[in-house]
Amino acid sequence: MSETEILKQYYEIYDEEGRLLSKHGQVEFITTQKYMHTCVNAVGASHHTLDILRK
């Protein structure tokens, strides 16, 4: 079984949305978004890419 298939199976049974809605999950989500935007800006991504990431 490939790594992708293993991850898909794991997240099919795991409540990822519920985890991210907790207080700790919100901190993780906001921190991840901050780093994603920093990295995307560092490589000079287009405004369109940034709009997609904001959704």
C-alpha atoms as a PDB file:
ATOM      1  CA  MET A   1       0.000   0.000   0.000  1.00  0.00           C
ATOM      2  CA  SER A   2       1.380   3.441  -0.932  1.00  0.00           C
ATOM      3  CA  GLU A   3       1.933   6.233   1.573  1.00  0.00           C
ATOM      4  CA  THR A   4      -0.847   8.221  -0.099  1.00  0.00           C
ATOM      5  CA  GLU A   5      -3.316   5.374   0.358  1.00  0.00           C
ATOM      6  CA  ILE A   6      -2.312   4.982   4.006  1.00  0.00           C
ATOM      7  CA  LEU A   7      -2.891   8.706   4.630  1.00  0.00           C
ATOM      8  CA  LYS A   8      -6.243   8.631   2.831  1.00  0.00           C
ATOM      9  CA  GLN A   9      -7.416   5.714   4.959  1.00  0.00           C
ATOM     10  CA  TYR A  10      -6.266   7.437   8.141  1.00  0.00           C
ATOM     11  CA  TYR A  11      -8.048  10.704   7.395  1.00  0.00           C
ATOM     12  CA  GLU A  12     -11.240   8.946   6.303  1.00  0.00           C
ATOM     13  CA  ILE A  13     -11.746   7.807   9.905  1.00  0.00           C
ATOM     14  CA  TYR A  14     -10.103  10.759  11.702  1.00  0.00           C
ATOM     15  CA  ASP A  15     -12.136  13.887  12.541  1.00  0.00           C
ATOM     16  CA  GLU A  16      -9.614  16.421  11.256  1.00  0.00           C
ATOM     17  CA  GLU A  17     -12.180  19.233  11.077  1.00  0.00           C
ATOM     18  CA  GLY A  18     -13.215  18.650  14.668  1.00  0.00           C
ATOM     19  CA  ARG A  19      -9.583  18.739  15.746  1.00  0.00           C
ATOM     20  CA  LEU A  20      -8.980  22.032  13.963  1.00  0.00           C
ATOM     21  CA  LEU A  21     -12.076  23.585  15.544  1.00  0.00           C
ATOM     22  CA  SER A  22     -10.669  23.143  19.070  1.00  0.00           C
ATOM     23  CA  LYS A  23      -8.713  26.009  20.645  1.00  0.00           C
ATOM     24  CA  HIS A  24      -5.430  24.184  20.096  1.00  0.00           C
ATOM     25  CA  GLY A  25      -6.475  23.370  16.540  1.00  0.00           C
ATOM     26  CA  GLN A  26      -7.222  27.020  15.810  1.00  0.00           C
ATOM     27  CA  VAL A  27      -3.723  28.002  16.965  1.00  0.00           C
ATOM     28  CA  GLU A  28      -2.254  25.303  14.736  1.00  0.00           C
ATOM     29  CA  PHE A  29      -4.378  26.397  11.764  1.00  0.00           C
ATOM     30  CA  ILE A  30      -3.490  30.089  12.102  1.00  0.00           C
ATOM     31  CA  THR A  31       0.200  29.300  12.573  1.00  0.00           C
ATOM     32  CA  THR A  32       0.208  27.001   9.539  1.00  0.00           C
ATOM     33  CA  GLN A  33      -1.497  29.671   7.413  1.00  0.00           C
ATOM     34  CA  LYS A  34       1.105  32.241   8.499  1.00  0.00           C
ATOM     35  CA  TYR A  35       3.987  29.995   7.463  1.00  0.00           C
ATOM     36  CA  MET A  36       2.313  28.981   4.208  1.00  0.00           C
ATOM     37  CA  HIS A  37       1.835  32.619   3.205  1.00  0.00           C
ATOM     38  CA  THR A  38       5.426  33.435   4.180  1.00  0.00           C
ATOM     39  CA  CYS A  39       6.766  30.579   2.044  1.00  0.00           C
ATOM     40  CA  VAL A  40       4.516  31.354  -0.906  1.00  0.00           C
ATOM     41  CA  ASN A  41       5.547  35.009  -0.821  1.00  0.00           C
ATOM     42  CA  ALA A  42       9.209  33.988  -0.614  1.00  0.00           C
ATOM     43  CA  VAL A  43       8.972  32.083  -3.900  1.00  0.00           C
ATOM     44  CA  GLY A  44       7.060  34.897  -5.587  1.00  0.00           C
ATOM     45  CA  ALA A  45       3.706  33.216  -6.141  1.00  0.00           C
ATOM     46  CA  SER A  46       1.038  35.096  -8.030  1.00  0.00           C
ATOM     47  CA  HIS A  47      -1.842  36.925  -6.375  1.00  0.00           C
ATOM     48  CA  HIS A  48      -4.165  34.258  -7.796  1.00  0.00           C
ATOM     49  CA  THR A  49      -2.320  31.555  -5.846  1.00  0.00           C
ATOM     50  CA  LEU A  50      -2.574  33.601  -2.664  1.00  0.00           C
ATOM     51  CA  ASP A  51      -6.335  34.050  -3.218  1.00  0.00           C
ATOM     52  CA  ILE A  52      -6.733  30.270  -3.493  1.00  0.00           C
ATOM     53  CA  LEU A  53      -4.784  29.733  -0.253  1.00  0.00           C
ATOM     54  CA  ARG A  54      -6.980  32.235   1.597  1.00  0.00           C
ATOM     55  CA  LYS A  55     -10.103  30.162   0.894  1.00  0.00           C
END
